[in-house]
């Protein structure tokens, strides 16, 4: 997993279960940022808070990956780096509830 050091990682379904475990493991192994795509806003919030309290940079997006239009629109935001300006260290949860 050393190839993830200083990389930005995106995990779908990353707010719970295996996705959450993989996200945490990649952060522990040196990933610099974790982008989480998940359909469950409650789990997104809890996971973001949990990982942020540990000092990790986490950027949550609420979306349904079965919705192609949502995936494309959110992917474009991430690809353009729009996620960087939507969060600050004090307010990481700022846009999570927004649907694209």
PDB file of N, CA and C in Angstrom:
ATOM      1  N   UNK A   1       0.811  -1.211   0.000  1.00  0.00           N
ATOM      2  CA  UNK A   1       0.000   0.000   0.000  1.00  0.00           C
ATOM      3  C   UNK A   1       0.848   1.267   0.000  1.00  0.00           C
ATOM      4  N   UNK A   2       2.142   1.144  -0.121  1.00  0.00           N
ATOM      5  CA  UNK A   2       2.986   2.331  -0.091  1.00  0.00           C
ATOM      6  C   UNK A   2       2.759   3.234  -1.289  1.00  0.00           C
ATOM      7  N   UNK A   3       2.138   2.732  -2.340  1.00  0.00           N
ATOM      8  CA  UNK A   3       1.880   3.557  -3.509  1.00  0.00           C
ATOM      9  C   UNK A   3       0.823   4.624  -3.238  1.00  0.00           C
ATOM     10  N   UNK A   4       0.182   4.575  -2.087  1.00  0.00           N
ATOM     11  CA  UNK A   4      -0.847   5.554  -1.745  1.00  0.00           C
ATOM     12  C   UNK A   4      -0.293   6.719  -0.921  1.00  0.00           C
ATOM     13  N   UNK A   5       0.969   6.651  -0.531  1.00  0.00           N
ATOM     14  CA  UNK A   5       1.564   7.721   0.278  1.00  0.00           C
ATOM     15  C   UNK A   5       1.485   9.047  -0.471  1.00  0.00           C
ATOM     16  N   UNK A   6       0.971  10.072   0.226  1.00  0.00           N
ATOM     17  CA  UNK A   6       0.826  11.431  -0.312  1.00  0.00           C
ATOM     18  C   UNK A   6      -0.128  11.516  -1.506  1.00  0.00           C
ATOM     19  N   UNK A   7      -1.010  10.564  -1.630  1.00  0.00           N
ATOM     20  CA  UNK A   7      -1.994  10.564  -2.722  1.00  0.00           C
ATOM     21  C   UNK A   7      -3.374  10.918  -2.179  1.00  0.00           C
ATOM     22  N   UNK A   8      -4.225  11.384  -3.065  1.00  0.00           N
ATOM     23  CA  UNK A   8      -5.629  11.595  -2.743  1.00  0.00           C
ATOM     24  C   UNK A   8      -6.378  10.341  -3.166  1.00  0.00           C
ATOM     25  N   UNK A   9      -7.178   9.801  -2.254  1.00  0.00           N
ATOM     26  CA  UNK A   9      -7.885   8.558  -2.494  1.00  0.00           C
ATOM     27  C   UNK A   9      -9.388   8.821  -2.464  1.00  0.00           C
ATOM     28  N   UNK A  10     -10.118   8.233  -3.408  1.00  0.00           N
ATOM     29  CA  UNK A  10     -11.571   8.322  -3.443  1.00  0.00           C
ATOM     30  C   UNK A  10     -12.131   6.922  -3.233  1.00  0.00           C
ATOM     31  N   UNK A  11     -13.034   6.802  -2.249  1.00  0.00           N
ATOM     32  CA  UNK A  11     -13.659   5.512  -1.981  1.00  0.00           C
ATOM     33  C   UNK A  11     -15.171   5.674  -2.036  1.00  0.00           C
ATOM     34  N   UNK A  12     -15.809   4.858  -2.873  1.00  0.00           N
ATOM     35  CA  UNK A  12     -17.268   4.842  -2.907  1.00  0.00           C
ATOM     36  C   UNK A  12     -17.746   3.903  -1.804  1.00  0.00           C
ATOM     37  N   UNK A  13     -18.829   4.299  -1.146  1.00  0.00           N
ATOM     38  CA  UNK A  13     -19.316   3.505  -0.024  1.00  0.00           C
ATOM     39  C   UNK A  13     -18.345   3.559   1.137  1.00  0.00           C
ATOM     40  N   UNK A  14     -17.628   4.665   1.243  1.00  0.00           N
ATOM     41  CA  UNK A  14     -16.559   4.784   2.228  1.00  0.00           C
ATOM     42  C   UNK A  14     -16.971   5.243   3.611  1.00  0.00           C
ATOM     43  N   UNK A  15     -18.264   5.393   3.861  1.00  0.00           N
ATOM     44  CA  UNK A  15     -18.709   5.881   5.160  1.00  0.00           C
ATOM     45  C   UNK A  15     -19.002   4.762   6.150  1.00  0.00           C
ATOM     46  N   UNK A  16     -18.974   3.520   5.689  1.00  0.00           N
ATOM     47  CA  UNK A  16     -19.246   2.406   6.599  1.00  0.00           C
ATOM     48  C   UNK A  16     -18.633   1.126   6.044  1.00  0.00           C
ATOM     49  N   UNK A  17     -18.602   0.113   6.860  1.00  0.00           N
ATOM     50  CA  UNK A  17     -18.167  -1.219   6.440  1.00  0.00           C
ATOM     51  C   UNK A  17     -16.758  -1.276   5.884  1.00  0.00           C
ATOM     52  N   UNK A  18     -16.598  -2.101   4.854  1.00  0.00           N
ATOM     53  CA  UNK A  18     -15.277  -2.316   4.257  1.00  0.00           C
ATOM     54  C   UNK A  18     -14.717  -1.027   3.662  1.00  0.00           C
ATOM     55  N   UNK A  19     -15.574  -0.194   3.059  1.00  0.00           N
ATOM     56  CA  UNK A  19     -15.110   1.072   2.503  1.00  0.00           C
ATOM     57  C   UNK A  19     -14.494   1.973   3.560  1.00  0.00           C
ATOM     58  N   UNK A  20     -15.148   2.047   4.715  1.00  0.00           N
ATOM     59  CA  UNK A  20     -14.629   2.860   5.816  1.00  0.00           C
ATOM     60  C   UNK A  20     -13.299   2.288   6.319  1.00  0.00           C
ATOM     61  N   UNK A  21     -13.243   0.974   6.469  1.00  0.00           N
ATOM     62  CA  UNK A  21     -12.003   0.344   6.924  1.00  0.00           C
ATOM     63  C   UNK A  21     -10.856   0.591   5.948  1.00  0.00           C
ATOM     64  N   UNK A  22     -11.132   0.479   4.653  1.00  0.00           N
ATOM     65  CA  UNK A  22     -10.093   0.731   3.650  1.00  0.00           C
ATOM     66  C   UNK A  22      -9.650   2.194   3.674  1.00  0.00           C
ATOM     67  N   UNK A  23     -10.602   3.105   3.813  1.00  0.00           N
ATOM     68  CA  UNK A  23     -10.254   4.523   3.887  1.00  0.00           C
ATOM     69  C   UNK A  23      -9.331   4.809   5.049  1.00  0.00           C
ATOM     70  N   UNK A  24      -9.680   4.295   6.200  1.00  0.00           N
ATOM     71  CA  UNK A  24      -8.840   4.524   7.381  1.00  0.00           C
ATOM     72  C   UNK A  24      -7.458   3.898   7.196  1.00  0.00           C
ATOM     73  N   UNK A  25      -7.409   2.696   6.663  1.00  0.00           N
ATOM     74  CA  UNK A  25      -6.131   2.021   6.462  1.00  0.00           C
ATOM     75  C   UNK A  25      -5.235   2.809   5.503  1.00  0.00           C
ATOM     76  N   UNK A  26      -5.832   3.328   4.425  1.00  0.00           N
ATOM     77  CA  UNK A  26      -5.052   4.108   3.461  1.00  0.00           C
ATOM     78  C   UNK A  26      -4.549   5.408   4.073  1.00  0.00           C
ATOM     79  N   UNK A  27      -5.355   6.037   4.907  1.00  0.00           N
ATOM     80  CA  UNK A  27      -4.911   7.241   5.612  1.00  0.00           C
ATOM     81  C   UNK A  27      -3.769   6.896   6.565  1.00  0.00           C
ATOM     82  N   UNK A  28      -3.899   5.804   7.280  1.00  0.00           N
ATOM     83  CA  UNK A  28      -2.845   5.364   8.200  1.00  0.00           C
ATOM     84  C   UNK A  28      -1.555   5.048   7.444  1.00  0.00           C
ATOM     85  N   UNK A  29      -1.686   4.590   6.207  1.00  0.00           N
ATOM     86  CA  UNK A  29      -0.516   4.255   5.386  1.00  0.00           C
ATOM     87  C   UNK A  29       0.045   5.459   4.638  1.00  0.00           C
ATOM     88  N   UNK A  30      -0.542   6.640   4.861  1.00  0.00           N
ATOM     89  CA  UNK A  30       0.062   7.841   4.307  1.00  0.00           C
ATOM     90  C   UNK A  30      -0.704   8.596   3.241  1.00  0.00           C
ATOM     91  N   UNK A  31      -1.903   8.148   2.876  1.00  0.00           N
ATOM     92  CA  UNK A  31      -2.688   8.930   1.914  1.00  0.00           C
ATOM     93  C   UNK A  31      -2.899  10.328   2.496  1.00  0.00           C
ATOM     94  N   UNK A  32      -2.790  11.350   1.664  1.00  0.00           N
ATOM     95  CA  UNK A  32      -2.884  12.719   2.179  1.00  0.00           C
ATOM     96  C   UNK A  32      -4.323  13.206   2.320  1.00  0.00           C
ATOM     97  N   UNK A  33      -5.218  12.684   1.478  1.00  0.00           N
ATOM     98  CA  UNK A  33      -6.622  13.107   1.509  1.00  0.00           C
ATOM     99  C   UNK A  33      -7.501  11.916   1.181  1.00  0.00           C
ATOM    100  N   UNK A  34      -8.674  11.894   1.816  1.00  0.00           N
ATOM    101  CA  UNK A  34      -9.657  10.860   1.524  1.00  0.00           C
ATOM    102  C   UNK A  34     -10.950  11.525   1.096  1.00  0.00           C
ATOM    103  N   UNK A  35     -11.397  11.196  -0.103  1.00  0.00           N
ATOM    104  CA  UNK A  35     -12.692  11.653  -0.603  1.00  0.00           C
ATOM    105  C   UNK A  35     -13.646  10.477  -0.448  1.00  0.00           C
ATOM    106  N   UNK A  36     -14.747  10.709   0.266  1.00  0.00           N
ATOM    107  CA  UNK A  36     -15.723   9.646   0.485  1.00  0.00           C
ATOM    108  C   UNK A  36     -16.997   9.968  -0.272  1.00  0.00           C
ATOM    109  N   UNK A  37     -17.434   9.023  -1.077  1.00  0.00           N
ATOM    110  CA  UNK A  37     -18.737   9.114  -1.737  1.00  0.00           C
ATOM    111  C   UNK A  37     -19.630   8.080  -1.078  1.00  0.00           C
ATOM    112  N   UNK A  38     -20.766   8.514  -0.556  1.00  0.00           N
ATOM    113  CA  UNK A  38     -21.681   7.588   0.096  1.00  0.00           C
ATOM    114  C   UNK A  38     -23.096   8.131   0.033  1.00  0.00           C
ATOM    115  N   UNK A  39     -24.057   7.252   0.086  1.00  0.00           N
ATOM    116  CA  UNK A  39     -25.464   7.626  -0.006  1.00  0.00           C
ATOM    117  C   UNK A  39     -26.056   7.982   1.358  1.00  0.00           C
ATOM    118  N   UNK A  40     -25.390   7.569   2.433  1.00  0.00           N
ATOM    119  CA  UNK A  40     -25.934   7.739   3.776  1.00  0.00           C
ATOM    120  C   UNK A  40     -25.341   8.973   4.462  1.00  0.00           C
ATOM    121  N   UNK A  41     -26.116  10.067   4.581  1.00  0.00           N
ATOM    122  CA  UNK A  41     -25.577  11.295   5.167  1.00  0.00           C
ATOM    123  C   UNK A  41     -25.180  11.148   6.635  1.00  0.00           C
ATOM    124  N   UNK A  42     -25.898  10.325   7.370  1.00  0.00           N
ATOM    125  CA  UNK A  42     -25.569  10.135   8.789  1.00  0.00           C
ATOM    126  C   UNK A  42     -24.210   9.462   8.946  1.00  0.00           C
ATOM    127  N   UNK A  43     -23.988   8.398   8.183  1.00  0.00           N
ATOM    128  CA  UNK A  43     -22.698   7.706   8.242  1.00  0.00           C
ATOM    129  C   UNK A  43     -21.576   8.590   7.710  1.00  0.00           C
ATOM    130  N   UNK A  44     -21.858   9.371   6.672  1.00  0.00           N
ATOM    131  CA  UNK A  44     -20.862  10.303   6.135  1.00  0.00           C
ATOM    132  C   UNK A  44     -20.403  11.275   7.217  1.00  0.00           C
ATOM    133  N   UNK A  45     -21.373  11.823   7.920  1.00  0.00           N
ATOM    134  CA  UNK A  45     -21.057  12.790   8.973  1.00  0.00           C
ATOM    135  C   UNK A  45     -20.213  12.136  10.072  1.00  0.00           C
ATOM    136  N   UNK A  46     -20.643  10.979  10.539  1.00  0.00           N
ATOM    137  CA  UNK A  46     -19.919  10.295  11.622  1.00  0.00           C
ATOM    138  C   UNK A  46     -18.495   9.928  11.209  1.00  0.00           C
ATOM    139  N   UNK A  47     -18.353   9.386  10.021  1.00  0.00           N
ATOM    140  CA  UNK A  47     -17.029   8.979   9.557  1.00  0.00           C
ATOM    141  C   UNK A  47     -16.116  10.179   9.336  1.00  0.00           C
ATOM    142  N   UNK A  48     -16.663  11.237   8.767  1.00  0.00           N
ATOM    143  CA  UNK A  48     -15.880  12.452   8.554  1.00  0.00           C
ATOM    144  C   UNK A  48     -15.401  13.020   9.879  1.00  0.00           C
ATOM    145  N   UNK A  49     -16.297  13.107  10.839  1.00  0.00           N
ATOM    146  CA  UNK A  49     -15.921  13.620  12.166  1.00  0.00           C
ATOM    147  C   UNK A  49     -14.864  12.731  12.810  1.00  0.00           C
ATOM    148  N   UNK A  50     -15.072  11.429  12.747  1.00  0.00           N
ATOM    149  CA  UNK A  50     -14.141  10.478  13.355  1.00  0.00           C
ATOM    150  C   UNK A  50     -12.735  10.609  12.765  1.00  0.00           C
ATOM    151  N   UNK A  51     -12.639  10.601  11.453  1.00  0.00           N
ATOM    152  CA  UNK A  51     -11.333  10.677  10.804  1.00  0.00           C
ATOM    153  C   UNK A  51     -10.703  12.060  10.970  1.00  0.00           C
ATOM    154  N   UNK A  52     -11.515  13.104  10.927  1.00  0.00           N
ATOM    155  CA  UNK A  52     -10.999  14.465  11.094  1.00  0.00           C
ATOM    156  C   UNK A  52     -10.425  14.669  12.487  1.00  0.00           C
ATOM    157  N   UNK A  53     -11.079  14.093  13.485  1.00  0.00           N
ATOM    158  CA  UNK A  53     -10.571  14.196  14.862  1.00  0.00           C
ATOM    159  C   UNK A  53      -9.219  13.514  15.016  1.00  0.00           C
ATOM    160  N   UNK A  54      -8.924  12.577  14.144  1.00  0.00           N
ATOM    161  CA  UNK A  54      -7.621  11.905  14.154  1.00  0.00           C
ATOM    162  C   UNK A  54      -6.580  12.680  13.352  1.00  0.00           C
ATOM    163  N   UNK A  55      -6.997  13.803  12.775  1.00  0.00           N
ATOM    164  CA  UNK A  55      -6.067  14.661  12.048  1.00  0.00           C
ATOM    165  C   UNK A  55      -6.017  14.431  10.549  1.00  0.00           C
ATOM    166  N   UNK A  56      -6.896  13.600  10.030  1.00  0.00           N
ATOM    167  CA  UNK A  56      -6.892  13.311   8.602  1.00  0.00           C
ATOM    168  C   UNK A  56      -7.750  14.308   7.832  1.00  0.00           C
ATOM    169  N   UNK A  57      -7.413  14.509   6.572  1.00  0.00           N
ATOM    170  CA  UNK A  57      -8.180  15.384   5.691  1.00  0.00           C
ATOM    171  C   UNK A  57      -9.192  14.524   4.948  1.00  0.00           C
ATOM    172  N   UNK A  58     -10.471  14.769   5.248  1.00  0.00           N
ATOM    173  CA  UNK A  58     -11.551  13.965   4.682  1.00  0.00           C
ATOM    174  C   UNK A  58     -12.549  14.884   4.003  1.00  0.00           C
ATOM    175  N   UNK A  59     -12.973  14.502   2.799  1.00  0.00           N
ATOM    176  CA  UNK A  59     -13.887  15.318   2.007  1.00  0.00           C
ATOM    177  C   UNK A  59     -15.078  14.456   1.591  1.00  0.00           C
ATOM    178  N   UNK A  60     -16.206  14.590   2.293  1.00  0.00           N
ATOM    179  CA  UNK A  60     -17.364  13.738   2.026  1.00  0.00           C
ATOM    180  C   UNK A  60     -18.301  14.316   0.974  1.00  0.00           C
ATOM    181  N   UNK A  61     -18.878  13.427   0.195  1.00  0.00           N
ATOM    182  CA  UNK A  61     -19.905  13.808  -0.774  1.00  0.00           C
ATOM    183  C   UNK A  61     -21.060  12.818  -0.670  1.00  0.00           C
ATOM    184  N   UNK A  62     -22.257  13.345  -0.499  1.00  0.00           N
ATOM    185  CA  UNK A  62     -23.438  12.498  -0.471  1.00  0.00           C
ATOM    186  C   UNK A  62     -23.934  12.311  -1.896  1.00  0.00           C
ATOM    187  N   UNK A  63     -23.908  11.068  -2.355  1.00  0.00           N
ATOM    188  CA  UNK A  63     -24.450  10.775  -3.674  1.00  0.00           C
ATOM    189  C   UNK A  63     -24.738   9.301  -3.803  1.00  0.00           C
ATOM    190  N   UNK A  64     -25.571   8.989  -4.757  1.00  0.00           N
ATOM    191  CA  UNK A  64     -25.942   7.622  -5.071  1.00  0.00           C
ATOM    192  C   UNK A  64     -25.142   7.202  -6.298  1.00  0.00           C
ATOM    193  N   UNK A  65     -24.211   6.275  -6.123  1.00  0.00           N
ATOM    194  CA  UNK A  65     -23.356   5.887  -7.243  1.00  0.00           C
ATOM    195  C   UNK A  65     -24.121   5.122  -8.319  1.00  0.00           C
ATOM    196  N   UNK A  66     -25.364   4.749  -8.052  1.00  0.00           N
ATOM    197  CA  UNK A  66     -26.198   4.128  -9.083  1.00  0.00           C
ATOM    198  C   UNK A  66     -26.789   5.181 -10.021  1.00  0.00           C
ATOM    199  N   UNK A  67     -26.657   6.454  -9.652  1.00  0.00           N
ATOM    200  CA  UNK A  67     -27.160   7.561 -10.460  1.00  0.00           C
ATOM    201  C   UNK A  67     -26.004   8.105 -11.306  1.00  0.00           C
ATOM    202  N   UNK A  68     -25.974   7.731 -12.552  1.00  0.00           N
ATOM    203  CA  UNK A  68     -24.868   8.088 -13.443  1.00  0.00           C
ATOM    204  C   UNK A  68     -24.645   9.596 -13.528  1.00  0.00           C
ATOM    205  N   UNK A  69     -25.716  10.356 -13.642  1.00  0.00           N
ATOM    206  CA  UNK A  69     -25.576  11.815 -13.737  1.00  0.00           C
ATOM    207  C   UNK A  69     -24.929  12.394 -12.488  1.00  0.00           C
ATOM    208  N   UNK A  70     -25.310  11.876 -11.328  1.00  0.00           N
ATOM    209  CA  UNK A  70     -24.737  12.338 -10.067  1.00  0.00           C
ATOM    210  C   UNK A  70     -23.238  12.018  -9.991  1.00  0.00           C
ATOM    211  N   UNK A  71     -22.891  10.825 -10.426  1.00  0.00           N
ATOM    212  CA  UNK A  71     -21.486  10.405 -10.399  1.00  0.00           C
ATOM    213  C   UNK A  71     -20.652  11.285 -11.327  1.00  0.00           C
ATOM    214  N   UNK A  72     -21.147  11.535 -12.519  1.00  0.00           N
ATOM    215  CA  UNK A  72     -20.411  12.366 -13.475  1.00  0.00           C
ATOM    216  C   UNK A  72     -20.253  13.786 -12.948  1.00  0.00           C
ATOM    217  N   UNK A  73     -21.334  14.367 -12.435  1.00  0.00           N
ATOM    218  CA  UNK A  73     -21.273  15.742 -11.924  1.00  0.00           C
ATOM    219  C   UNK A  73     -20.329  15.857 -10.732  1.00  0.00           C
ATOM    220  N   UNK A  74     -20.407  14.915  -9.812  1.00  0.00           N
ATOM    221  CA  UNK A  74     -19.532  14.957  -8.641  1.00  0.00           C
ATOM    222  C   UNK A  74     -18.093  14.682  -9.041  1.00  0.00           C
ATOM    223  N   UNK A  75     -17.897  13.760  -9.971  1.00  0.00           N
ATOM    224  CA  UNK A  75     -16.555  13.478 -10.471  1.00  0.00           C
ATOM    225  C   UNK A  75     -15.916  14.695 -11.106  1.00  0.00           C
ATOM    226  N   UNK A  76     -16.703  15.465 -11.841  1.00  0.00           N
ATOM    227  CA  UNK A  76     -16.182  16.697 -12.444  1.00  0.00           C
ATOM    228  C   UNK A  76     -15.760  17.697 -11.372  1.00  0.00           C
ATOM    229  N   UNK A  77     -16.562  17.814 -10.308  1.00  0.00           N
ATOM    230  CA  UNK A  77     -16.187  18.721  -9.209  1.00  0.00           C
ATOM    231  C   UNK A  77     -14.853  18.303  -8.595  1.00  0.00           C
ATOM    232  N   UNK A  78     -14.727  17.026  -8.330  1.00  0.00           N
ATOM    233  CA  UNK A  78     -13.499  16.520  -7.719  1.00  0.00           C
ATOM    234  C   UNK A  78     -12.323  16.684  -8.675  1.00  0.00           C
ATOM    235  N   UNK A  79     -12.526  16.333  -9.934  1.00  0.00           N
ATOM    236  CA  UNK A  79     -11.449  16.419 -10.933  1.00  0.00           C
ATOM    237  C   UNK A  79     -10.939  17.852 -11.090  1.00  0.00           C
ATOM    238  N   UNK A  80     -11.848  18.810 -11.038  1.00  0.00           N
ATOM    239  CA  UNK A  80     -11.474  20.220 -11.168  1.00  0.00           C
ATOM    240  C   UNK A  80     -10.868  20.781  -9.891  1.00  0.00           C
ATOM    241  N   UNK A  81     -10.901  19.993  -8.831  1.00  0.00           N
ATOM    242  CA  UNK A  81     -10.365  20.474  -7.559  1.00  0.00           C
ATOM    243  C   UNK A  81     -11.326  21.357  -6.799  1.00  0.00           C
ATOM    244  N   UNK A  82     -12.594  21.358  -7.198  1.00  0.00           N
ATOM    245  CA  UNK A  82     -13.574  22.199  -6.516  1.00  0.00           C
ATOM    246  C   UNK A  82     -13.716  21.845  -5.050  1.00  0.00           C
ATOM    247  N   UNK A  83     -13.445  20.597  -4.711  1.00  0.00           N
ATOM    248  CA  UNK A  83     -13.578  20.160  -3.327  1.00  0.00           C
ATOM    249  C   UNK A  83     -12.616  20.892  -2.405  1.00  0.00           C
ATOM    250  N   UNK A  84     -11.497  21.345  -2.935  1.00  0.00           N
ATOM    251  CA  UNK A  84     -10.515  22.027  -2.092  1.00  0.00           C
ATOM    252  C   UNK A  84     -11.072  23.318  -1.494  1.00  0.00           C
ATOM    253  N   UNK A  85     -11.849  24.045  -2.271  1.00  0.00           N
ATOM    254  CA  UNK A  85     -12.332  25.333  -1.796  1.00  0.00           C
ATOM    255  C   UNK A  85     -13.649  25.226  -1.024  1.00  0.00           C
ATOM    256  N   UNK A  86     -14.220  24.040  -0.973  1.00  0.00           N
ATOM    257  CA  UNK A  86     -15.514  23.890  -0.318  1.00  0.00           C
ATOM    258  C   UNK A  86     -15.375  23.561   1.159  1.00  0.00           C
ATOM    259  N   UNK A  87     -14.170  23.327   1.613  1.00  0.00           N
ATOM    260  CA  UNK A  87     -13.948  22.952   3.000  1.00  0.00           C
ATOM    261  C   UNK A  87     -12.844  23.813   3.595  1.00  0.00           C
ATOM    262  N   UNK A  88     -12.922  23.992   4.883  1.00  0.00           N
ATOM    263  CA  UNK A  88     -11.821  24.614   5.611  1.00  0.00           C
ATOM    264  C   UNK A  88     -11.509  23.685   6.770  1.00  0.00           C
ATOM    265  N   UNK A  89     -10.403  23.915   7.451  1.00  0.00           N
ATOM    266  CA  UNK A  89     -10.063  23.069   8.590  1.00  0.00           C
ATOM    267  C   UNK A  89     -11.128  23.141   9.678  1.00  0.00           C
ATOM    268  N   UNK A  90     -11.801  24.268   9.783  1.00  0.00           N
ATOM    269  CA  UNK A  90     -12.806  24.433  10.830  1.00  0.00           C
ATOM    270  C   UNK A  90     -14.162  23.861  10.440  1.00  0.00           C
ATOM    271  N   UNK A  91     -14.417  23.739   9.151  1.00  0.00           N
ATOM    272  CA  UNK A  91     -15.739  23.285   8.722  1.00  0.00           C
ATOM    273  C   UNK A  91     -15.621  22.311   7.559  1.00  0.00           C
ATOM    274  N   UNK A  92     -15.315  21.081   7.849  1.00  0.00           N
ATOM    275  CA  UNK A  92     -15.171  20.066   6.812  1.00  0.00           C
ATOM    276  C   UNK A  92     -16.526  19.583   6.322  1.00  0.00           C
ATOM    277  N   UNK A  93     -17.545  19.788   7.100  1.00  0.00           N
ATOM    278  CA  UNK A  93     -18.857  19.230   6.781  1.00  0.00           C
ATOM    279  C   UNK A  93     -19.665  20.156   5.901  1.00  0.00           C
ATOM    280  N   UNK A  94     -19.099  21.284   5.525  1.00  0.00           N
ATOM    281  CA  UNK A  94     -19.811  22.335   4.818  1.00  0.00           C
ATOM    282  C   UNK A  94     -20.699  21.943   3.670  1.00  0.00           C
ATOM    283  N   UNK A  95     -20.259  21.083   2.769  1.00  0.00           N
ATOM    284  CA  UNK A  95     -21.072  20.819   1.582  1.00  0.00           C
ATOM    285  C   UNK A  95     -21.617  19.420   1.524  1.00  0.00           C
ATOM    286  N   UNK A  96     -21.338  18.634   2.548  1.00  0.00           N
ATOM    287  CA  UNK A  96     -21.670  17.218   2.433  1.00  0.00           C
ATOM    288  C   UNK A  96     -23.138  16.971   2.161  1.00  0.00           C
ATOM    289  N   UNK A  97     -24.004  17.748   2.749  1.00  0.00           N
ATOM    290  CA  UNK A  97     -25.422  17.534   2.566  1.00  0.00           C
ATOM    291  C   UNK A  97     -25.940  18.010   1.223  1.00  0.00           C
ATOM    292  N   UNK A  98     -25.120  18.755   0.487  1.00  0.00           N
ATOM    293  CA  UNK A  98     -25.548  19.260  -0.820  1.00  0.00           C
ATOM    294  C   UNK A  98     -25.563  18.137  -1.825  1.00  0.00           C
ATOM    295  N   UNK A  99     -26.627  18.073  -2.559  1.00  0.00           N
ATOM    296  CA  UNK A  99     -26.685  17.104  -3.648  1.00  0.00           C
ATOM    297  C   UNK A  99     -26.255  17.800  -4.931  1.00  0.00           C
ATOM    298  N   UNK A 100     -25.509  17.099  -5.729  1.00  0.00           N
ATOM    299  CA  UNK A 100     -25.023  17.650  -6.993  1.00  0.00           C
ATOM    300  C   UNK A 100     -26.096  17.509  -8.045  1.00  0.00           C
TER     301      UNK A 100
END
